[in-house]
Amino acid sequence: MADRDGDSKECEYGLDLEASWLIVEAAQRVGRPQDAKIRRASLMLVDHALRDGFDNQRGGVYRYGPAAGPAKDKDMEWWQQVEALVALLNAYQLTGDRKYWHGFDLQAHFVMDKFVDHQYGELYTTIFQGGKIDDEKVGPWKAPYHATRACLEIISRLGGTL
């Protein structure tokens, strides 16, 4: 939701995290890999999500909240979780700051422990704030795009360290 000046009053943490690494990738593709403004903007998006939209105890990215302040909707959707993995790894690779590696590690364990259906495969759709799981695997907004891309990005970024 934006006000009449175009300033957003709310954010969706998954979109911010996705944008954080995509703008860095776009800068690299147009020959601006060291652009300080883009790097700063990318890290600001990740830091905001970590501060206000992330469960720093268990891992997990919340759905949305105000542009400034803690999350209002603490439900967690599948695609936000995998976008967070790439965003946190990207932030670590940009800075070497261990807080991003810690976030990546926490998030990876959270996704594997809570979102992956180890019996039948695929990611659960949503984990609601109260802990109930929406185990729908297919729907009009559920496709393998985010998860597949995240896996390929992580493999590419970590290379032979896996």
C-alpha atoms as a PDB file:
ATOM      1  CA  MET A   1       0.000   0.000   0.000  1.00  0.00           C
ATOM      2  CA  ALA A   2       1.471   3.372  -1.016  1.00  0.00           C
ATOM      3  CA  ASP A   3       0.457   6.861  -0.030  1.00  0.00           C
ATOM      4  CA  ARG A   4      -0.146   9.553  -2.633  1.00  0.00           C
ATOM      5  CA  ASP A   5       3.558  10.447  -2.698  1.00  0.00           C
ATOM      6  CA  GLY A   6       4.357   6.861  -3.694  1.00  0.00           C
ATOM      7  CA  ASP A   7       5.971   5.937  -0.378  1.00  0.00           C
ATOM      8  CA  SER A   8       5.099   2.433   0.714  1.00  0.00           C
ATOM      9  CA  LYS A   9       3.517   2.069   4.136  1.00  0.00           C
ATOM     10  CA  GLU A  10       3.883  -1.704   4.167  1.00  0.00           C
ATOM     11  CA  CYS A  11       6.430  -4.148   2.871  1.00  0.00           C
ATOM     12  CA  GLU A  12       6.385  -7.783   1.900  1.00  0.00           C
ATOM     13  CA  TYR A  13       9.644  -9.162   3.231  1.00  0.00           C
ATOM     14  CA  GLY A  14       9.949 -11.874   0.596  1.00  0.00           C
ATOM     15  CA  LEU A  15       9.731  -9.339  -2.221  1.00  0.00           C
ATOM     16  CA  ASP A  16      12.333  -7.138  -0.532  1.00  0.00           C
ATOM     17  CA  LEU A  17      14.670 -10.091  -0.097  1.00  0.00           C
ATOM     18  CA  GLU A  18      14.194 -11.193  -3.690  1.00  0.00           C
ATOM     19  CA  ALA A  19      14.855  -7.661  -4.924  1.00  0.00           C
ATOM     20  CA  SER A  20      17.987  -7.411  -2.767  1.00  0.00           C
ATOM     21  CA  TRP A  21      19.868 -10.046  -4.708  1.00  0.00           C
ATOM     22  CA  LEU A  22      18.279  -9.399  -8.102  1.00  0.00           C
ATOM     23  CA  ILE A  23      19.420  -5.764  -8.145  1.00  0.00           C
ATOM     24  CA  VAL A  24      22.981  -6.886  -7.435  1.00  0.00           C
ATOM     25  CA  GLU A  25      22.768  -9.422 -10.249  1.00  0.00           C
ATOM     26  CA  ALA A  26      21.330  -6.811 -12.609  1.00  0.00           C
ATOM     27  CA  ALA A  27      24.170  -4.402 -11.761  1.00  0.00           C
ATOM     28  CA  GLN A  28      26.705  -7.106 -12.567  1.00  0.00           C
ATOM     29  CA  ARG A  29      25.060  -7.811 -15.912  1.00  0.00           C
ATOM     30  CA  VAL A  30      25.163  -4.156 -16.957  1.00  0.00           C
ATOM     31  CA  GLY A  31      28.815  -3.780 -15.992  1.00  0.00           C
ATOM     32  CA  ARG A  32      28.395  -2.145 -12.570  1.00  0.00           C
ATOM     33  CA  PRO A  33      29.426  -4.931 -10.185  1.00  0.00           C
ATOM     34  CA  GLN A  34      31.024  -2.574  -7.649  1.00  0.00           C
ATOM     35  CA  ASP A  35      28.250   0.045  -7.546  1.00  0.00           C
ATOM     36  CA  ALA A  36      28.197   1.249  -3.929  1.00  0.00           C
ATOM     37  CA  LYS A  37      24.626   2.599  -4.111  1.00  0.00           C
ATOM     38  CA  ILE A  38      23.265  -0.707  -5.326  1.00  0.00           C
ATOM     39  CA  ARG A  39      25.218  -2.624  -2.700  1.00  0.00           C
ATOM     40  CA  ARG A  40      23.946  -0.280   0.031  1.00  0.00           C
ATOM     41  CA  ALA A  41      20.332  -0.585  -1.194  1.00  0.00           C
ATOM     42  CA  SER A  42      20.618  -4.373  -1.329  1.00  0.00           C
ATOM     43  CA  LEU A  43      21.956  -4.612   2.210  1.00  0.00           C
ATOM     44  CA  MET A  44      19.335  -2.189   3.530  1.00  0.00           C
ATOM     45  CA  LEU A  45      16.583  -4.467   2.199  1.00  0.00           C
ATOM     46  CA  VAL A  46      18.154  -7.522   3.830  1.00  0.00           C
ATOM     47  CA  ASP A  47      18.820  -5.732   7.112  1.00  0.00           C
ATOM     48  CA  HIS A  48      15.233  -4.496   7.287  1.00  0.00           C
ATOM     49  CA  ALA A  49      13.901  -8.012   6.715  1.00  0.00           C
ATOM     50  CA  LEU A  50      16.264  -9.464   9.328  1.00  0.00           C
ATOM     51  CA  ARG A  51      15.321  -6.813  11.869  1.00  0.00           C
ATOM     52  CA  ASP A  52      11.552  -6.691  11.381  1.00  0.00           C
ATOM     53  CA  GLY A  53      10.445  -9.671   9.302  1.00  0.00           C
ATOM     54  CA  PHE A  54      12.568 -12.617  10.407  1.00  0.00           C
ATOM     55  CA  ASP A  55      12.319 -15.056  13.282  1.00  0.00           C
ATOM     56  CA  ASN A  56      15.851 -14.716  14.633  1.00  0.00           C
ATOM     57  CA  GLN A  57      15.358 -17.658  17.015  1.00  0.00           C
ATOM     58  CA  ARG A  58      14.067 -20.386  14.656  1.00  0.00           C
ATOM     59  CA  GLY A  59      14.489 -18.906  11.184  1.00  0.00           C
ATOM     60  CA  GLY A  60      11.670 -18.051   8.840  1.00  0.00           C
ATOM     61  CA  VAL A  61      10.526 -14.940   7.008  1.00  0.00           C
ATOM     62  CA  TYR A  62       7.188 -13.413   7.894  1.00  0.00           C
ATOM     63  CA  ARG A  63       4.655 -12.421   5.254  1.00  0.00           C
ATOM     64  CA  TYR A  64       4.471  -8.642   5.655  1.00  0.00           C
ATOM     65  CA  GLY A  65       4.546  -5.658   7.969  1.00  0.00           C
ATOM     66  CA  PRO A  66       4.923  -1.902   8.087  1.00  0.00           C
ATOM     67  CA  ALA A  67       7.748  -0.216   6.229  1.00  0.00           C
ATOM     68  CA  ALA A  68       9.125   0.686   9.658  1.00  0.00           C
ATOM     69  CA  GLY A  69       8.510  -1.572  12.631  1.00  0.00           C
ATOM     70  CA  PRO A  70       7.941  -5.235  13.394  1.00  0.00           C
ATOM     71  CA  ALA A  71       5.940  -7.638  11.228  1.00  0.00           C
ATOM     72  CA  LYS A  72       2.151  -7.572  11.475  1.00  0.00           C
ATOM     73  CA  ASP A  73       1.476 -10.802   9.611  1.00  0.00           C
ATOM     74  CA  LYS A  74       3.682 -13.589  10.919  1.00  0.00           C
ATOM     75  CA  ASP A  75       2.427 -16.286   8.596  1.00  0.00           C
ATOM     76  CA  MET A  76       5.249 -17.725   6.469  1.00  0.00           C
ATOM     77  CA  GLU A  77       4.874 -18.667   2.813  1.00  0.00           C
ATOM     78  CA  TRP A  78       7.068 -21.099   0.897  1.00  0.00           C
ATOM     79  CA  TRP A  79       8.461 -18.715  -1.722  1.00  0.00           C
ATOM     80  CA  GLN A  80       9.578 -16.116   0.834  1.00  0.00           C
ATOM     81  CA  GLN A  81      11.599 -18.763   2.625  1.00  0.00           C
ATOM     82  CA  VAL A  82      13.643 -19.763  -0.418  1.00  0.00           C
ATOM     83  CA  GLU A  83      14.159 -16.172  -1.570  1.00  0.00           C
ATOM     84  CA  ALA A  84      15.574 -15.447   1.889  1.00  0.00           C
ATOM     85  CA  LEU A  85      18.195 -18.155   1.397  1.00  0.00           C
ATOM     86  CA  VAL A  86      19.580 -16.497  -1.723  1.00  0.00           C
ATOM     87  CA  ALA A  87      19.336 -12.991  -0.257  1.00  0.00           C
ATOM     88  CA  LEU A  88      21.205 -13.918   2.917  1.00  0.00           C
ATOM     89  CA  LEU A  89      23.901 -15.787   1.006  1.00  0.00           C
ATOM     90  CA  ASN A  90      24.252 -12.843  -1.376  1.00  0.00           C
ATOM     91  CA  ALA A  91      24.587 -10.395   1.531  1.00  0.00           C
ATOM     92  CA  TYR A  92      27.258 -12.605   3.087  1.00  0.00           C
ATOM     93  CA  GLN A  93      29.148 -12.805  -0.197  1.00  0.00           C
ATOM     94  CA  LEU A  94      28.990  -9.011  -0.561  1.00  0.00           C
ATOM     95  CA  THR A  95      30.249  -8.272   2.932  1.00  0.00           C
ATOM     96  CA  GLY A  96      31.769 -11.309   4.618  1.00  0.00           C
ATOM     97  CA  ASP A  97      29.664 -10.325   7.644  1.00  0.00           C
ATOM     98  CA  ARG A  98      28.971 -13.429   9.734  1.00  0.00           C
ATOM     99  CA  LYS A  99      25.476 -12.197  10.694  1.00  0.00           C
ATOM    100  CA  TYR A 100      24.349 -12.926   7.136  1.00  0.00           C
ATOM    101  CA  TRP A 101      25.968 -16.374   7.169  1.00  0.00           C
ATOM    102  CA  HIS A 102      24.287 -17.074  10.517  1.00  0.00           C
ATOM    103  CA  GLY A 103      20.951 -15.967   9.007  1.00  0.00           C
ATOM    104  CA  PHE A 104      21.520 -18.171   5.954  1.00  0.00           C
ATOM    105  CA  ASP A 105      22.388 -21.183   8.114  1.00  0.00           C
ATOM    106  CA  LEU A 106      19.400 -20.631  10.419  1.00  0.00           C
ATOM    107  CA  GLN A 107      17.108 -20.187   7.420  1.00  0.00           C
ATOM    108  CA  ALA A 108      18.433 -23.295   5.652  1.00  0.00           C
ATOM    109  CA  HIS A 109      17.758 -25.424   8.716  1.00  0.00           C
ATOM    110  CA  PHE A 110      14.308 -23.872   9.117  1.00  0.00           C
ATOM    111  CA  VAL A 111      13.352 -24.583   5.504  1.00  0.00           C
ATOM    112  CA  MET A 112      14.639 -28.153   5.654  1.00  0.00           C
ATOM    113  CA  ASP A 113      13.053 -28.871   9.056  1.00  0.00           C
ATOM    114  CA  LYS A 114       9.706 -27.085   8.661  1.00  0.00           C
ATOM    115  CA  PHE A 115       8.883 -26.461   4.987  1.00  0.00           C
ATOM    116  CA  VAL A 116      10.132 -29.577   3.205  1.00  0.00           C
ATOM    117  CA  ASP A 117       7.739 -32.512   3.137  1.00  0.00           C
ATOM    118  CA  HIS A 118      10.276 -35.286   3.636  1.00  0.00           C
ATOM    119  CA  GLN A 119       7.724 -38.046   3.047  1.00  0.00           C
ATOM    120  CA  TYR A 120       6.144 -36.907  -0.234  1.00  0.00           C
ATOM    121  CA  GLY A 121       8.482 -34.168  -1.452  1.00  0.00           C
ATOM    122  CA  GLU A 122       7.900 -30.512  -2.318  1.00  0.00           C
ATOM    123  CA  LEU A 123       7.514 -27.528   0.005  1.00  0.00           C
ATOM    124  CA  TYR A 124       4.473 -26.863   2.146  1.00  0.00           C
ATOM    125  CA  THR A 125       2.602 -23.753   1.067  1.00  0.00           C
ATOM    126  CA  THR A 126       2.254 -21.859   4.349  1.00  0.00           C
ATOM    127  CA  ILE A 127       3.046 -22.178   8.012  1.00  0.00           C
ATOM    128  CA  PHE A 128       0.594 -20.008   9.890  1.00  0.00           C
ATOM    129  CA  GLN A 129       1.579 -17.998  12.952  1.00  0.00           C
ATOM    130  CA  GLY A 130      -0.094 -20.516  15.264  1.00  0.00           C
ATOM    131  CA  GLY A 131       1.901 -23.390  13.744  1.00  0.00           C
ATOM    132  CA  LYS A 132      -0.789 -24.900  11.494  1.00  0.00           C
ATOM    133  CA  ILE A 133       0.637 -26.055   8.147  1.00  0.00           C
ATOM    134  CA  ASP A 134      -1.105 -25.607   4.801  1.00  0.00           C
ATOM    135  CA  ASP A 135       0.149 -28.711   3.042  1.00  0.00           C
ATOM    136  CA  GLU A 136      -1.254 -27.845  -0.388  1.00  0.00           C
ATOM    137  CA  LYS A 137       1.405 -28.676  -2.966  1.00  0.00           C
ATOM    138  CA  VAL A 138      -0.169 -27.263  -6.135  1.00  0.00           C
ATOM    139  CA  GLY A 139      -2.250 -24.176  -6.713  1.00  0.00           C
ATOM    140  CA  PRO A 140      -2.657 -21.166  -8.978  1.00  0.00           C
ATOM    141  CA  TRP A 141       0.238 -19.355  -7.231  1.00  0.00           C
ATOM    142  CA  LYS A 142       2.363 -22.388  -6.357  1.00  0.00           C
ATOM    143  CA  ALA A 143       4.987 -23.334  -8.912  1.00  0.00           C
ATOM    144  CA  PRO A 144       8.564 -24.626  -8.703  1.00  0.00           C
ATOM    145  CA  TYR A 145      10.021 -21.360  -9.997  1.00  0.00           C
ATOM    146  CA  HIS A 146      11.250 -19.797  -6.744  1.00  0.00           C
ATOM    147  CA  ALA A 147      12.483 -23.026  -5.157  1.00  0.00           C
ATOM    148  CA  THR A 148      14.271 -24.280  -8.267  1.00  0.00           C
ATOM    149  CA  ARG A 149      15.907 -20.921  -8.889  1.00  0.00           C
ATOM    150  CA  ALA A 150      17.003 -20.683  -5.245  1.00  0.00           C
ATOM    151  CA  CYS A 151      18.578 -24.148  -5.374  1.00  0.00           C
ATOM    152  CA  LEU A 152      20.430 -23.326  -8.590  1.00  0.00           C
ATOM    153  CA  GLU A 153      21.618 -19.981  -7.173  1.00  0.00           C
ATOM    154  CA  ILE A 154      22.876 -21.574  -3.963  1.00  0.00           C
ATOM    155  CA  ILE A 155      24.699 -24.340  -5.828  1.00  0.00           C
ATOM    156  CA  SER A 156      26.257 -21.784  -8.165  1.00  0.00           C
ATOM    157  CA  ARG A 157      27.291 -19.467  -5.351  1.00  0.00           C
ATOM    158  CA  LEU A 158      28.700 -22.145  -3.075  1.00  0.00           C
ATOM    159  CA  GLY A 159      30.293 -24.115  -5.895  1.00  0.00           C
ATOM    160  CA  GLY A 160      32.657 -26.793  -4.682  1.00  0.00           C
ATOM    161  CA  THR A 161      32.102 -26.016  -0.999  1.00  0.00           C
ATOM    162  CA  LEU A 162      28.999 -28.243  -0.837  1.00  0.00           C
END
